[in-house]
C-alpha atoms as a PDB file:
ATOM      1  CA  MET A   1     -28.659  18.069  12.182  1.00  0.00           C
ATOM      2  CA  LYS A   2     -25.103  18.591  11.029  1.00  0.00           C
ATOM      3  CA  ASN A   3     -22.792  15.561  11.297  1.00  0.00           C
ATOM      4  CA  ASN A   4     -19.071  16.020  10.653  1.00  0.00           C
ATOM      5  CA  SER A   5     -17.957  12.443  11.314  1.00  0.00           C
ATOM      6  CA  PRO A   6     -15.767  10.831   8.613  1.00  0.00           C
ATOM      7  CA  PHE A   7     -18.058   7.767   8.636  1.00  0.00           C
ATOM      8  CA  PHE A   8     -21.043   9.964   7.861  1.00  0.00           C
ATOM      9  CA  ALA A   9     -19.069  11.598   5.032  1.00  0.00           C
ATOM     10  CA  ALA A  10     -18.084   8.173   3.718  1.00  0.00           C
ATOM     11  CA  ILE A  11     -21.758   7.162   3.475  1.00  0.00           C
ATOM     12  CA  ILE A  12     -22.589  10.313   1.506  1.00  0.00           C
ATOM     13  CA  LEU A  13     -19.674   9.768  -0.873  1.00  0.00           C
ATOM     14  CA  PHE A  14     -20.222   6.035  -1.325  1.00  0.00           C
ATOM     15  CA  PRO A  15     -22.388   6.216  -4.501  1.00  0.00           C
ATOM     16  CA  LEU A  16     -19.784   8.434  -6.190  1.00  0.00           C
ATOM     17  CA  TYR A  17     -17.027   6.063  -5.138  1.00  0.00           C
ATOM     18  CA  VAL A  18     -18.887   3.092  -6.614  1.00  0.00           C
ATOM     19  CA  ILE A  19     -19.179   4.925  -9.933  1.00  0.00           C
ATOM     20  CA  MET A  20     -15.456   5.670  -9.914  1.00  0.00           C
ATOM     21  CA  LEU A  21     -14.548   2.026  -9.261  1.00  0.00           C
ATOM     22  CA  THR A  22     -16.619   0.306 -11.926  1.00  0.00           C
ATOM     23  CA  GLY A  23     -13.518  -1.367 -13.329  1.00  0.00           C
ATOM     24  CA  CYS A  24     -11.411  -1.303 -16.464  1.00  0.00           C
ATOM     25  CA  SER A  25     -13.027  -0.613 -19.793  1.00  0.00           C
ATOM     26  CA  ASP A  26     -11.734  -0.059 -23.298  1.00  0.00           C
ATOM     27  CA  SER A  27     -13.084   1.165 -26.617  1.00  0.00           C
ATOM     28  CA  SER A  28     -11.447  -1.689 -28.566  1.00  0.00           C
ATOM     29  CA  LYS A  29     -14.532  -3.884 -28.729  1.00  0.00           C
ATOM     30  CA  ASP A  30     -14.353  -6.790 -31.170  1.00  0.00           C
ATOM     31  CA  PRO A  31     -17.151  -6.236 -33.721  1.00  0.00           C
ATOM     32  CA  VAL A  32     -17.611 -10.012 -34.188  1.00  0.00           C
ATOM     33  CA  THR A  33     -17.475 -11.397 -30.649  1.00  0.00           C
ATOM     34  CA  GLY A  34     -18.704  -8.250 -28.913  1.00  0.00           C
ATOM     35  CA  THR A  35     -16.007  -8.652 -26.255  1.00  0.00           C
ATOM     36  CA  TYR A  36     -13.101  -6.467 -25.192  1.00  0.00           C
ATOM     37  CA  ASP A  37      -9.487  -7.476 -25.649  1.00  0.00           C
ATOM     38  CA  SER A  38      -7.840  -7.811 -22.259  1.00  0.00           C
ATOM     39  CA  GLY A  39      -4.686  -9.162 -20.691  1.00  0.00           C
ATOM     40  CA  ARG A  40      -2.790  -9.310 -17.422  1.00  0.00           C
ATOM     41  CA  LEU A  41      -0.187  -7.197 -15.686  1.00  0.00           C
ATOM     42  CA  LYS A  42       2.167  -8.115 -12.856  1.00  0.00           C
ATOM     43  CA  ILE A  43       3.590  -5.737 -10.260  1.00  0.00           C
ATOM     44  CA  ASN A  44       6.633  -6.825  -8.261  1.00  0.00           C
ATOM     45  CA  PHE A  45       7.339  -5.045  -4.961  1.00  0.00           C
ATOM     46  CA  ASP A  46      11.061  -5.412  -4.257  1.00  0.00           C
ATOM     47  CA  ASN A  47      11.867  -4.385  -0.677  1.00  0.00           C
ATOM     48  CA  VAL A  48      15.295  -2.830  -0.144  1.00  0.00           C
ATOM     49  CA  VAL A  49      17.265  -0.662   2.294  1.00  0.00           C
ATOM     50  CA  ASP A  50      19.030   1.995   0.260  1.00  0.00           C
ATOM     51  CA  ASN A  51      20.825  -0.054  -2.420  1.00  0.00           C
ATOM     52  CA  GLN A  52      20.846  -3.307  -0.417  1.00  0.00           C
ATOM     53  CA  GLN A  53      18.303  -6.088  -0.593  1.00  0.00           C
ATOM     54  CA  LEU A  54      16.155  -6.323   2.519  1.00  0.00           C
ATOM     55  CA  ILE A  55      16.837  -9.567   4.382  1.00  0.00           C
ATOM     56  CA  LEU A  56      14.995 -10.165   7.616  1.00  0.00           C
ATOM     57  CA  ASN A  57      16.761 -11.086  10.855  1.00  0.00           C
ATOM     58  CA  GLU A  58      20.257 -11.164   9.343  1.00  0.00           C
ATOM     59  CA  ILE A  59      21.733  -7.954   7.974  1.00  0.00           C
ATOM     60  CA  THR A  60      22.463  -4.908  10.119  1.00  0.00           C
ATOM     61  CA  TYR A  61      21.626  -1.653   8.340  1.00  0.00           C
ATOM     62  CA  LYS A  62      22.070   1.961   9.372  1.00  0.00           C
ATOM     63  CA  ASN A  63      19.574   4.792   9.045  1.00  0.00           C
ATOM     64  CA  LYS A  64      20.443   8.386   8.203  1.00  0.00           C
ATOM     65  CA  SER A  65      20.927   9.112  11.916  1.00  0.00           C
ATOM     66  CA  ASN A  66      23.686   6.461  11.944  1.00  0.00           C
ATOM     67  CA  GLU A  67      21.609   4.116  14.102  1.00  0.00           C
ATOM     68  CA  ASP A  68      22.043   0.388  13.503  1.00  0.00           C
ATOM     69  CA  PHE A  69      18.956  -1.757  12.946  1.00  0.00           C
ATOM     70  CA  VAL A  70      17.963  -5.271  11.936  1.00  0.00           C
ATOM     71  CA  VAL A  71      14.508  -5.636  10.365  1.00  0.00           C
ATOM     72  CA  THR A  72      12.416  -8.511  11.710  1.00  0.00           C
ATOM     73  CA  LYS A  73       9.096  -7.656  10.020  1.00  0.00           C
ATOM     74  CA  PHE A  74       8.036  -5.445   7.130  1.00  0.00           C
ATOM     75  CA  ASN A  75       4.416  -5.499   5.919  1.00  0.00           C
ATOM     76  CA  TYR A  76       2.210  -2.981   4.124  1.00  0.00           C
ATOM     77  CA  PHE A  77      -1.144  -2.790   2.366  1.00  0.00           C
ATOM     78  CA  ILE A  78      -1.468  -1.767  -1.288  1.00  0.00           C
ATOM     79  CA  SER A  79      -4.957  -0.946  -2.590  1.00  0.00           C
ATOM     80  CA  ASN A  80      -7.110   1.033  -5.049  1.00  0.00           C
ATOM     81  CA  ILE A  81      -4.877   0.470  -8.072  1.00  0.00           C
ATOM     82  CA  ARG A  82      -5.311   2.569 -11.216  1.00  0.00           C
ATOM     83  CA  LEU A  83      -3.460   2.358 -14.531  1.00  0.00           C
ATOM     84  CA  THR A  84      -3.195   5.203 -17.039  1.00  0.00           C
ATOM     85  CA  LYS A  85      -2.958   4.464 -20.763  1.00  0.00           C
ATOM     86  CA  ASN A  86      -0.857   6.501 -23.163  1.00  0.00           C
ATOM     87  CA  ASP A  87      -4.025   8.167 -24.468  1.00  0.00           C
ATOM     88  CA  GLY A  88      -4.937   9.328 -20.956  1.00  0.00           C
ATOM     89  CA  THR A  89      -7.756   6.875 -20.258  1.00  0.00           C
ATOM     90  CA  VAL A  90      -7.703   5.292 -16.822  1.00  0.00           C
ATOM     91  CA  CYS A  91      -8.232   1.652 -15.894  1.00  0.00           C
ATOM     92  CA  THR A  92      -9.402   1.335 -12.282  1.00  0.00           C
ATOM     93  CA  ILE A  93      -9.046  -2.147 -10.852  1.00  0.00           C
ATOM     94  CA  PRO A  94     -12.397  -3.244  -9.337  1.00  0.00           C
ATOM     95  CA  GLN A  95     -12.256  -2.529  -5.631  1.00  0.00           C
ATOM     96  CA  ASP A  96     -12.930  -6.090  -4.512  1.00  0.00           C
ATOM     97  CA  SER A  97      -9.843  -7.165  -6.483  1.00  0.00           C
ATOM     98  CA  SER A  98      -7.647  -4.298  -5.376  1.00  0.00           C
ATOM     99  CA  TYR A  99      -6.385  -5.072  -1.865  1.00  0.00           C
ATOM    100  CA  PHE A 100      -3.004  -6.701  -1.307  1.00  0.00           C
ATOM    101  CA  LEU A 101      -0.896  -7.309   1.796  1.00  0.00           C
ATOM    102  CA  ILE A 102       2.798  -7.270   0.910  1.00  0.00           C
ATOM    103  CA  GLN A 103       4.924  -9.226   3.398  1.00  0.00           C
ATOM    104  CA  GLU A 104       8.689  -9.513   3.332  1.00  0.00           C
ATOM    105  CA  ASP A 105       8.529 -12.922   4.998  1.00  0.00           C
ATOM    106  CA  GLU A 106       6.057 -14.225   2.365  1.00  0.00           C
ATOM    107  CA  LYS A 107       7.732 -13.882  -1.041  1.00  0.00           C
ATOM    108  CA  ALA A 108       4.592 -14.960  -2.902  1.00  0.00           C
ATOM    109  CA  THR A 109       2.799 -11.812  -1.709  1.00  0.00           C
ATOM    110  CA  GLN A 110       5.370  -9.515  -3.307  1.00  0.00           C
ATOM    111  CA  VAL A 111       4.210 -10.159  -6.883  1.00  0.00           C
ATOM    112  CA  ILE A 112       0.587  -9.304  -7.602  1.00  0.00           C
ATOM    113  CA  THR A 113      -1.253 -10.086 -10.831  1.00  0.00           C
ATOM    114  CA  LEU A 114      -3.962  -7.795 -12.200  1.00  0.00           C
ATOM    115  CA  ASN A 115      -6.465  -9.448 -14.532  1.00  0.00           C
ATOM    116  CA  GLY A 116      -8.827  -8.037 -17.141  1.00  0.00           C
ATOM    117  CA  ILE A 117      -6.555  -5.167 -18.147  1.00  0.00           C
ATOM    118  CA  PRO A 118      -7.524  -3.682 -21.542  1.00  0.00           C
ATOM    119  CA  THR A 119      -4.809  -4.280 -24.109  1.00  0.00           C
ATOM    120  CA  GLY A 120      -2.669  -1.316 -25.066  1.00  0.00           C
ATOM    121  CA  GLU A 121       0.219   0.781 -23.845  1.00  0.00           C
ATOM    122  CA  TYR A 122       0.312   2.285 -20.376  1.00  0.00           C
ATOM    123  CA  LYS A 123       2.277   5.199 -18.972  1.00  0.00           C
ATOM    124  CA  ALA A 124       1.607   5.241 -15.211  1.00  0.00           C
ATOM    125  CA  VAL A 125       0.396   3.277 -12.206  1.00  0.00           C
ATOM    126  CA  GLU A 126      -1.268   4.721  -9.119  1.00  0.00           C
ATOM    127  CA  PHE A 127      -2.135   3.009  -5.832  1.00  0.00           C
ATOM    128  CA  MET A 128      -2.939   3.680  -2.222  1.00  0.00           C
ATOM    129  CA  VAL A 129      -0.736   2.698   0.691  1.00  0.00           C
ATOM    130  CA  GLY A 130      -3.221   1.527   3.293  1.00  0.00           C
ATOM    131  CA  VAL A 131      -6.907   0.657   3.395  1.00  0.00           C
ATOM    132  CA  ASP A 132      -9.450   3.362   2.597  1.00  0.00           C
ATOM    133  CA  SER A 133     -12.154   4.450   5.041  1.00  0.00           C
ATOM    134  CA  LEU A 134     -14.983   2.849   3.069  1.00  0.00           C
ATOM    135  CA  ARG A 135     -13.439  -0.601   3.321  1.00  0.00           C
ATOM    136  CA  ASN A 136     -12.391  -0.024   6.949  1.00  0.00           C
ATOM    137  CA  THR A 137     -16.032   0.594   7.837  1.00  0.00           C
ATOM    138  CA  ALA A 138     -17.611  -1.901   5.420  1.00  0.00           C
ATOM    139  CA  PRO A 139     -19.627  -4.908   6.667  1.00  0.00           C
ATOM    140  CA  LEU A 140     -17.534  -7.964   7.472  1.00  0.00           C
ATOM    141  CA  GLU A 141     -18.787  -9.797   4.370  1.00  0.00           C
ATOM    142  CA  LYS A 142     -17.072  -7.101   2.268  1.00  0.00           C
ATOM    143  CA  ARG A 143     -13.742  -7.693   4.013  1.00  0.00           C
ATOM    144  CA  LYS A 144     -12.423 -11.047   2.897  1.00  0.00           C
ATOM    145  CA  GLY A 145      -9.005 -12.435   2.023  1.00  0.00           C
ATOM    146  CA  VAL A 146      -6.190 -10.261   3.346  1.00  0.00           C
ATOM    147  CA  LEU A 147      -8.801  -7.932   4.891  1.00  0.00           C
ATOM    148  CA  ASP A 148     -10.541 -10.596   6.950  1.00  0.00           C
ATOM    149  CA  PRO A 149     -10.330  -9.323  10.566  1.00  0.00           C
ATOM    150  CA  GLY A 150     -10.654 -12.911  11.769  1.00  0.00           C
ATOM    151  CA  GLY A 151      -8.174 -14.328   9.267  1.00  0.00           C
ATOM    152  CA  SER A 152      -4.836 -13.301   7.828  1.00  0.00           C
ATOM    153  CA  SER A 153      -5.036  -9.713   9.068  1.00  0.00           C
ATOM    154  CA  THR A 154      -5.310 -10.907  12.652  1.00  0.00           C
ATOM    155  CA  ASP A 155      -2.843 -13.766  12.213  1.00  0.00           C
ATOM    156  CA  ASP A 156      -0.158 -11.356  11.065  1.00  0.00           C
ATOM    157  CA  GLY A 157      -1.289  -8.578  13.373  1.00  0.00           C
ATOM    158  CA  MET A 158      -2.412  -6.113  10.698  1.00  0.00           C
ATOM    159  CA  TYR A 159      -5.728  -5.233  12.340  1.00  0.00           C
ATOM    160  CA  TRP A 160      -6.465  -3.240  15.474  1.00  0.00           C
ATOM    161  CA  ALA A 161      -9.592  -4.820  16.912  1.00  0.00           C
ATOM    162  CA  TRP A 162      -9.726  -2.134  19.590  1.00  0.00           C
ATOM    163  CA  ASN A 163      -9.917   0.594  16.959  1.00  0.00           C
ATOM    164  CA  SER A 164     -11.710  -1.321  14.183  1.00  0.00           C
ATOM    165  CA  GLY A 165      -9.016  -0.365  11.730  1.00  0.00           C
ATOM    166  CA  TYR A 166      -6.164  -1.794   9.707  1.00  0.00           C
ATOM    167  CA  ILE A 167      -2.469  -1.232  10.243  1.00  0.00           C
ATOM    168  CA  PHE A 168      -1.258   0.133   6.899  1.00  0.00           C
ATOM    169  CA  LEU A 169       2.449  -0.377   7.470  1.00  0.00           C
ATOM    170  CA  LYS A 170       4.288  -2.444  10.044  1.00  0.00           C
ATOM    171  CA  LEU A 171       8.043  -2.143  10.515  1.00  0.00           C
ATOM    172  CA  GLU A 172       9.631  -4.008  13.407  1.00  0.00           C
ATOM    173  CA  GLY A 173      13.225  -4.676  14.293  1.00  0.00           C
ATOM    174  CA  ILE A 174      16.090  -4.682  16.745  1.00  0.00           C
ATOM    175  CA  SER A 175      18.556  -1.866  17.374  1.00  0.00           C
ATOM    176  CA  SER A 176      21.149  -0.872  19.940  1.00  0.00           C
ATOM    177  CA  GLN A 177      19.040   2.298  20.199  1.00  0.00           C
ATOM    178  CA  GLY A 178      15.784   0.358  20.668  1.00  0.00           C
ATOM    179  CA  ASN A 179      13.835  -0.430  23.810  1.00  0.00           C
ATOM    180  CA  PRO A 180      16.331  -0.550  26.720  1.00  0.00           C
ATOM    181  CA  VAL A 181      14.848  -3.864  27.910  1.00  0.00           C
ATOM    182  CA  ASN A 182      14.942  -5.910  24.690  1.00  0.00           C
ATOM    183  CA  GLY A 183      16.435  -3.654  22.006  1.00  0.00           C
ATOM    184  CA  LYS A 184      13.266  -3.835  19.893  1.00  0.00           C
ATOM    185  CA  PHE A 185      11.437  -1.117  17.971  1.00  0.00           C
ATOM    186  CA  TYR A 186       7.888  -1.158  16.574  1.00  0.00           C
ATOM    187  CA  TYR A 187       6.289   1.148  14.013  1.00  0.00           C
ATOM    188  CA  HIS A 188       2.637   0.259  13.389  1.00  0.00           C
ATOM    189  CA  ILE A 189       1.051   2.990  11.289  1.00  0.00           C
ATOM    190  CA  GLY A 190      -2.693   3.043  10.672  1.00  0.00           C
ATOM    191  CA  LEU A 191      -5.710   5.388  11.198  1.00  0.00           C
ATOM    192  CA  PHE A 192      -8.070   6.069   8.306  1.00  0.00           C
ATOM    193  CA  GLY A 193      -9.813   9.248   9.422  1.00  0.00           C
ATOM    194  CA  GLY A 194     -12.019   7.863  12.158  1.00  0.00           C
ATOM    195  CA  TYR A 195     -15.355   6.107  12.554  1.00  0.00           C
ATOM    196  CA  ASN A 196     -17.322   8.059  15.166  1.00  0.00           C
ATOM    197  CA  GLU A 197     -14.533  10.454  16.068  1.00  0.00           C
ATOM    198  CA  ARG A 198     -12.194  12.157  13.644  1.00  0.00           C
ATOM    199  CA  THR A 199      -8.564  10.997  13.523  1.00  0.00           C
ATOM    200  CA  VAL A 200      -5.684  11.639  11.158  1.00  0.00           C
ATOM    201  CA  ASN A 201      -5.888   9.831   7.813  1.00  0.00           C
ATOM    202  CA  ASN A 202      -2.649   7.987   7.092  1.00  0.00           C
ATOM    203  CA  THR A 203      -3.603   6.473   3.754  1.00  0.00           C
ATOM    204  CA  ARG A 204      -1.321   7.827   1.052  1.00  0.00           C
ATOM    205  CA  THR A 205      -1.617   7.791  -2.740  1.00  0.00           C
ATOM    206  CA  VAL A 206       1.453   7.032  -4.857  1.00  0.00           C
ATOM    207  CA  LYS A 207       1.714   7.619  -8.609  1.00  0.00           C
ATOM    208  CA  LEU A 208       4.646   6.341 -10.644  1.00  0.00           C
ATOM    209  CA  ASP A 209       5.181   7.444 -14.230  1.00  0.00           C
ATOM    210  CA  PHE A 210       6.857   5.028 -16.621  1.00  0.00           C
ATOM    211  CA  THR A 211       8.732   7.874 -18.412  1.00  0.00           C
ATOM    212  CA  ASN A 212      10.414   6.347 -21.467  1.00  0.00           C
ATOM    213  CA  GLU A 213       9.660   2.742 -20.559  1.00  0.00           C
ATOM    214  CA  LYS A 214       7.244   0.883 -22.822  1.00  0.00           C
ATOM    215  CA  THR A 215       4.460  -1.000 -21.068  1.00  0.00           C
ATOM    216  CA  SER A 216       2.287  -2.960 -23.464  1.00  0.00           C
ATOM    217  CA  VAL A 217      -0.477  -5.217 -22.217  1.00  0.00           C
ATOM    218  CA  GLY A 218      -1.472  -7.848 -24.758  1.00  0.00           C
ATOM    219  CA  LYS A 219      -3.665 -10.921 -24.816  1.00  0.00           C
ATOM    220  CA  ASP A 220      -0.601 -13.178 -24.932  1.00  0.00           C
ATOM    221  CA  SER A 221       2.003 -11.058 -23.110  1.00  0.00           C
ATOM    222  CA  ILE A 222       2.165 -10.268 -19.390  1.00  0.00           C
ATOM    223  CA  PRO A 223       4.424  -7.295 -18.632  1.00  0.00           C
ATOM    224  CA  GLU A 224       5.895  -7.005 -15.142  1.00  0.00           C
ATOM    225  CA  ILE A 225       6.490  -3.706 -13.401  1.00  0.00           C
ATOM    226  CA  SER A 226       9.191  -3.843 -10.739  1.00  0.00           C
ATOM    227  CA  ILE A 227       8.910  -1.287  -7.934  1.00  0.00           C
ATOM    228  CA  LEU A 228      11.629  -0.718  -5.343  1.00  0.00           C
ATOM    229  CA  VAL A 229      10.322  -0.161  -1.819  1.00  0.00           C
ATOM    230  CA  ASP A 230      12.939   1.448   0.392  1.00  0.00           C
ATOM    231  CA  VAL A 231      12.677   0.850   4.145  1.00  0.00           C
ATOM    232  CA  GLN A 232      15.148   3.687   4.653  1.00  0.00           C
ATOM    233  CA  LYS A 233      12.451   6.147   3.569  1.00  0.00           C
ATOM    234  CA  VAL A 234      10.352   5.193   6.592  1.00  0.00           C
ATOM    235  CA  PHE A 235      13.097   6.696   8.733  1.00  0.00           C
ATOM    236  CA  ASP A 236      14.036   9.624   6.534  1.00  0.00           C
ATOM    237  CA  GLY A 237      11.706  11.644   4.310  1.00  0.00           C
ATOM    238  CA  PRO A 238       9.730  14.854   3.996  1.00  0.00           C
ATOM    239  CA  GLY A 239       7.614  14.011   7.047  1.00  0.00           C
ATOM    240  CA  THR A 240      10.287  13.479   9.667  1.00  0.00           C
ATOM    241  CA  SER A 241      13.806  12.330  10.400  1.00  0.00           C
ATOM    242  CA  LEU A 242      12.900   9.389  12.600  1.00  0.00           C
ATOM    243  CA  LYS A 243      15.368   8.356  15.294  1.00  0.00           C
ATOM    244  CA  ILE A 244      14.961   4.995  16.985  1.00  0.00           C
ATOM    245  CA  GLU A 245      16.530   6.387  20.142  1.00  0.00           C
ATOM    246  CA  GLU A 246      13.737   8.978  20.394  1.00  0.00           C
ATOM    247  CA  TYR A 247      10.871   6.783  19.182  1.00  0.00           C
ATOM    248  CA  ASN A 248      11.294   3.043  19.630  1.00  0.00           C
ATOM    249  CA  SER A 249       7.528   2.579  19.319  1.00  0.00           C
ATOM    250  CA  ILE A 250       4.936   4.422  17.234  1.00  0.00           C
ATOM    251  CA  MET A 251       1.344   3.194  17.125  1.00  0.00           C
ATOM    252  CA  GLY A 252      -2.200   4.528  17.039  1.00  0.00           C
ATOM    253  CA  GLY A 253      -1.827   6.415  20.277  1.00  0.00           C
ATOM    254  CA  GLN A 254       0.707   8.774  18.700  1.00  0.00           C
ATOM    255  CA  PRO A 255      -1.301  10.222  15.788  1.00  0.00           C
ATOM    256  CA  ILE A 256       0.914  13.225  15.066  1.00  0.00           C
ATOM    257  CA  LYS A 257       4.107  11.173  14.825  1.00  0.00           C
ATOM    258  CA  ALA A 258       2.284   8.436  12.900  1.00  0.00           C
ATOM    259  CA  GLU A 259       1.158  11.028  10.367  1.00  0.00           C
ATOM    260  CA  GLU A 260       4.744  12.199   9.927  1.00  0.00           C
ATOM    261  CA  VAL A 261       5.866   8.630   9.255  1.00  0.00           C
ATOM    262  CA  ALA A 262       3.023   8.228   6.740  1.00  0.00           C
ATOM    263  CA  ASN A 263       4.344  11.283   4.914  1.00  0.00           C
ATOM    264  CA  ASN A 264       7.671   9.448   4.774  1.00  0.00           C
ATOM    265  CA  TYR A 265       6.395   6.101   3.496  1.00  0.00           C
ATOM    266  CA  ALA A 266       4.517   7.793   0.678  1.00  0.00           C
ATOM    267  CA  HIS A 267       7.988   8.333  -0.823  1.00  0.00           C
ATOM    268  CA  MET A 268       9.437   4.848  -0.402  1.00  0.00           C
ATOM    269  CA  PHE A 269       8.292   3.643  -3.860  1.00  0.00           C
ATOM    270  CA  THR A 270      10.304   4.120  -7.069  1.00  0.00           C
ATOM    271  CA  LEU A 271      10.024   2.485 -10.472  1.00  0.00           C
ATOM    272  CA  ASP A 272      12.858   0.047 -11.064  1.00  0.00           C
ATOM    273  CA  SER A 273      12.150  -1.669 -14.390  1.00  0.00           C
ATOM    274  CA  ILE A 274       9.487  -2.938 -16.754  1.00  0.00           C
ATOM    275  CA  ASN A 275       9.822  -6.324 -18.433  1.00  0.00           C
END
């Protein structure tokens, strides 16, 4: 019998996905020790609004529609990280070590450290915004740390228990154009393609090339990639020009608009510097 559900498709594709995510490997094996040279790499996610630093609860910003807003919460999931070396080989971070919840109100979450990276020079980084369907539908024992539905994800409200899915990006704030009662606005964007019934898939893949920057991972050096993450792009991008006055709340029950916002947040990342 034919089954078109995304969950069914995820089961079929799971063996291939496991093969793809076997981790980082390198041809530079030490002939004496039989081990690979490896190092670490840091990625810093620096949240901004246009050319201003994002500061929660204090600064009033304006979007491209000239609407004022104060950000009170800004969270998003980063996952499935891949690094491309100058010779074209790809280092895929093992999946169990490749889920991070970036929170503006928790500075420690904004710098992530990747371990076991083969030494050498790299030219690009790629990652997913959101949590893929396989991990959304995985057994609870496979969803620990920031993905624990009974832990940090629930504490910070990044999991929809009613829909068994993660919220990929959460932007909340206050605006004179917000809810008429309290001035608030809420954008909670999730949906991974559906479990038993098909939905939109709002995971997005971002790839940043390092252009002329030199990124060398060594055993004794830890380079840091700094990425600017622009809240303004949530409001204005190729998906939609989002007006708070028209939409002071977007959640799972508005899949078409949520998909448009996802097309926006795919463009909120730009390479800032490499140290």
